[in-house]
């Protein structure tokens, strides 16, 4: 004799919200740069701002780190 056990159906997956559309740069945002173009293969660049040097680095995790 063969028995058949029925299992309850799994609950439906939660509805995933779509990612919001990327916002377009506005004139108040200023210039927009791609990091590949900005760094040009380097891992660090120096930015001179009001006579002070800032270093912008790409970390090993691929994030940006700005230090004075």
N, C-alpha and C. Protein backbone atom coordinates (compact mmCIF):
# COMPACT_ATOMS: atom_id res chain seq x y z
N UNK A 1 0.84 -1.16 0.00
CA UNK A 1 0.00 0.00 0.00
C UNK A 1 0.89 1.24 0.00
N UNK A 2 0.62 2.13 -0.90
CA UNK A 2 1.40 3.33 -1.04
C UNK A 2 0.64 4.50 -0.44
N UNK A 3 1.32 5.28 0.40
CA UNK A 3 0.66 6.45 0.98
C UNK A 3 1.24 7.71 0.37
N UNK A 4 0.42 8.68 0.25
CA UNK A 4 0.85 9.96 -0.32
C UNK A 4 0.66 11.03 0.74
N UNK A 5 1.75 11.67 1.08
CA UNK A 5 1.62 12.76 2.05
C UNK A 5 1.64 14.07 1.29
N UNK A 6 0.71 14.91 1.60
CA UNK A 6 0.70 16.20 0.92
C UNK A 6 1.38 17.23 1.81
N UNK A 7 2.15 18.03 1.19
CA UNK A 7 2.84 19.09 1.91
C UNK A 7 2.14 20.41 1.60
N UNK A 8 2.09 21.28 2.60
CA UNK A 8 1.48 22.58 2.30
C UNK A 8 2.36 23.35 1.32
N UNK A 9 1.73 24.14 0.50
CA UNK A 9 2.47 24.94 -0.48
C UNK A 9 3.30 25.98 0.26
N UNK A 10 4.49 26.25 -0.23
CA UNK A 10 5.31 27.28 0.41
C UNK A 10 4.64 28.64 0.27
N UNK A 11 4.88 29.52 1.23
CA UNK A 11 4.27 30.85 1.12
C UNK A 11 4.83 31.58 -0.09
N UNK A 12 4.02 32.47 -0.66
CA UNK A 12 4.51 33.19 -1.83
C UNK A 12 5.69 34.08 -1.45
N UNK A 13 6.60 34.24 -2.38
CA UNK A 13 7.77 35.11 -2.13
C UNK A 13 7.30 36.54 -1.97
N UNK A 14 7.95 37.29 -1.07
CA UNK A 14 7.55 38.68 -0.92
C UNK A 14 7.78 39.44 -2.22
N UNK A 15 6.90 40.37 -2.48
CA UNK A 15 6.99 41.15 -3.72
C UNK A 15 8.20 42.06 -3.65
N UNK A 16 9.11 41.88 -4.57
CA UNK A 16 10.31 42.72 -4.60
C UNK A 16 9.98 44.05 -5.26
N UNK A 17 10.38 45.11 -4.60
CA UNK A 17 10.19 46.43 -5.16
C UNK A 17 11.26 46.67 -6.21
N UNK A 18 10.89 47.20 -7.36
CA UNK A 18 11.93 47.48 -8.35
C UNK A 18 12.82 48.62 -7.87
N UNK A 19 14.08 48.57 -8.31
CA UNK A 19 15.00 49.64 -7.96
C UNK A 19 14.50 50.94 -8.57
N UNK A 20 14.58 52.02 -7.80
CA UNK A 20 14.15 53.29 -8.39
C UNK A 20 15.06 53.68 -9.53
N UNK A 21 14.51 54.38 -10.48
CA UNK A 21 15.29 54.81 -11.63
C UNK A 21 16.40 55.74 -11.17
N UNK A 22 17.59 55.62 -11.78
CA UNK A 22 18.66 56.53 -11.39
C UNK A 22 18.26 57.97 -11.68
N UNK A 23 18.65 58.85 -10.79
CA UNK A 23 18.32 60.25 -10.96
C UNK A 23 19.30 60.88 -11.94
N UNK A 24 18.78 61.75 -12.74
CA UNK A 24 19.63 62.48 -13.67
C UNK A 24 20.35 63.59 -12.92
N UNK A 25 21.58 63.84 -13.31
CA UNK A 25 22.33 64.93 -12.70
C UNK A 25 21.67 66.25 -13.10
N UNK A 26 21.54 67.13 -12.15
CA UNK A 26 20.96 68.44 -12.44
C UNK A 26 22.07 69.46 -12.48
N UNK A 27 21.74 70.65 -12.91
CA UNK A 27 22.76 71.69 -12.99
C UNK A 27 23.29 72.05 -11.62
N UNK A 28 22.51 71.85 -10.56
CA UNK A 28 23.00 72.16 -9.21
C UNK A 28 23.97 71.10 -8.72
N UNK A 29 23.97 69.92 -9.32
CA UNK A 29 24.86 68.85 -8.88
C UNK A 29 26.27 69.03 -9.41
N UNK A 30 26.44 69.84 -10.43
CA UNK A 30 27.78 70.04 -10.98
C UNK A 30 28.16 68.95 -11.96
N UNK A 31 29.45 68.83 -12.20
CA UNK A 31 29.96 67.86 -13.17
C UNK A 31 29.82 66.45 -12.62
N UNK A 32 29.73 65.49 -13.54
CA UNK A 32 29.63 64.08 -13.17
C UNK A 32 30.81 63.35 -13.78
N UNK A 33 31.51 62.55 -12.96
CA UNK A 33 32.70 61.85 -13.41
C UNK A 33 32.54 60.36 -13.19
N UNK A 34 33.05 59.57 -14.13
CA UNK A 34 33.13 58.12 -13.98
C UNK A 34 34.45 57.82 -13.31
N UNK A 35 34.45 56.97 -12.29
CA UNK A 35 35.70 56.71 -11.57
C UNK A 35 36.78 56.12 -12.47
N UNK A 36 36.41 55.34 -13.47
CA UNK A 36 37.41 54.81 -14.39
C UNK A 36 38.13 55.92 -15.13
N UNK A 37 37.38 56.93 -15.54
CA UNK A 37 37.99 58.07 -16.22
C UNK A 37 38.77 58.94 -15.23
N UNK A 38 38.23 59.12 -14.05
CA UNK A 38 38.83 60.00 -13.06
C UNK A 38 40.15 59.42 -12.54
N UNK A 39 40.16 58.13 -12.22
CA UNK A 39 41.35 57.50 -11.66
C UNK A 39 42.33 57.03 -12.74
N UNK A 40 41.85 56.77 -13.94
CA UNK A 40 42.69 56.37 -15.07
C UNK A 40 43.64 55.24 -14.71
N UNK A 41 43.12 54.21 -14.06
CA UNK A 41 43.92 53.03 -13.70
C UNK A 41 44.61 53.11 -12.35
N UNK A 42 44.66 54.29 -11.74
CA UNK A 42 45.29 54.43 -10.42
C UNK A 42 44.31 54.03 -9.33
N UNK A 43 44.81 53.80 -8.13
CA UNK A 43 43.95 53.48 -6.97
C UNK A 43 43.73 54.69 -6.08
N UNK A 44 44.47 55.77 -6.34
CA UNK A 44 44.38 56.96 -5.49
C UNK A 44 44.63 58.20 -6.34
N UNK A 45 43.87 59.26 -6.05
CA UNK A 45 44.11 60.55 -6.68
C UNK A 45 44.17 61.61 -5.58
N UNK A 46 44.82 62.73 -5.88
CA UNK A 46 44.92 63.84 -4.94
C UNK A 46 44.07 64.98 -5.48
N UNK A 47 43.22 65.53 -4.62
CA UNK A 47 42.36 66.65 -4.98
C UNK A 47 42.80 67.85 -4.16
N UNK A 48 43.09 68.95 -4.84
CA UNK A 48 43.45 70.19 -4.16
C UNK A 48 42.18 71.03 -4.01
N UNK A 49 41.79 71.30 -2.78
CA UNK A 49 40.58 72.07 -2.50
C UNK A 49 40.91 73.18 -1.51
N UNK A 50 40.80 74.42 -1.96
CA UNK A 50 41.09 75.59 -1.12
C UNK A 50 42.48 75.50 -0.48
N UNK A 51 43.46 75.04 -1.24
CA UNK A 51 44.82 74.97 -0.74
C UNK A 51 45.10 73.77 0.14
N UNK A 52 44.16 72.88 0.30
CA UNK A 52 44.34 71.69 1.13
C UNK A 52 44.25 70.45 0.24
N UNK A 53 45.13 69.47 0.50
CA UNK A 53 45.13 68.24 -0.28
C UNK A 53 44.20 67.20 0.34
N UNK A 54 43.40 66.57 -0.49
CA UNK A 54 42.54 65.46 -0.10
C UNK A 54 42.92 64.28 -0.98
N UNK A 55 42.92 63.10 -0.40
CA UNK A 55 43.21 61.88 -1.15
C UNK A 55 41.93 61.07 -1.28
N UNK A 56 41.62 60.70 -2.51
CA UNK A 56 40.47 59.86 -2.79
C UNK A 56 41.01 58.52 -3.26
N UNK A 57 40.71 57.47 -2.47
CA UNK A 57 41.23 56.13 -2.75
C UNK A 57 40.10 55.17 -3.06
N UNK A 58 40.41 54.19 -3.90
CA UNK A 58 39.52 53.05 -4.10
C UNK A 58 40.01 51.95 -3.18
N UNK A 59 39.17 51.51 -2.25
CA UNK A 59 39.57 50.49 -1.28
C UNK A 59 39.60 49.11 -1.93
N UNK A 60 40.10 48.13 -1.20
CA UNK A 60 40.12 46.75 -1.71
C UNK A 60 38.72 46.20 -1.93
N UNK A 61 37.75 46.77 -1.21
CA UNK A 61 36.35 46.36 -1.38
C UNK A 61 35.66 47.12 -2.52
N UNK A 62 36.41 48.02 -3.18
CA UNK A 62 35.84 48.76 -4.29
C UNK A 62 35.07 50.00 -3.90
N UNK A 63 35.19 50.41 -2.64
CA UNK A 63 34.51 51.61 -2.17
C UNK A 63 35.45 52.80 -2.25
N UNK A 64 34.89 54.00 -2.16
CA UNK A 64 35.70 55.22 -2.18
C UNK A 64 35.93 55.73 -0.77
N UNK A 65 37.16 56.18 -0.52
CA UNK A 65 37.52 56.71 0.78
C UNK A 65 38.22 58.04 0.58
N UNK A 66 37.68 59.11 1.16
CA UNK A 66 38.25 60.44 1.05
C UNK A 66 38.87 60.81 2.38
N UNK A 67 40.16 61.18 2.36
CA UNK A 67 40.84 61.59 3.59
C UNK A 67 41.55 62.92 3.33
N UNK A 68 41.72 63.68 4.42
CA UNK A 68 42.40 64.97 4.33
C UNK A 68 43.83 64.81 4.77
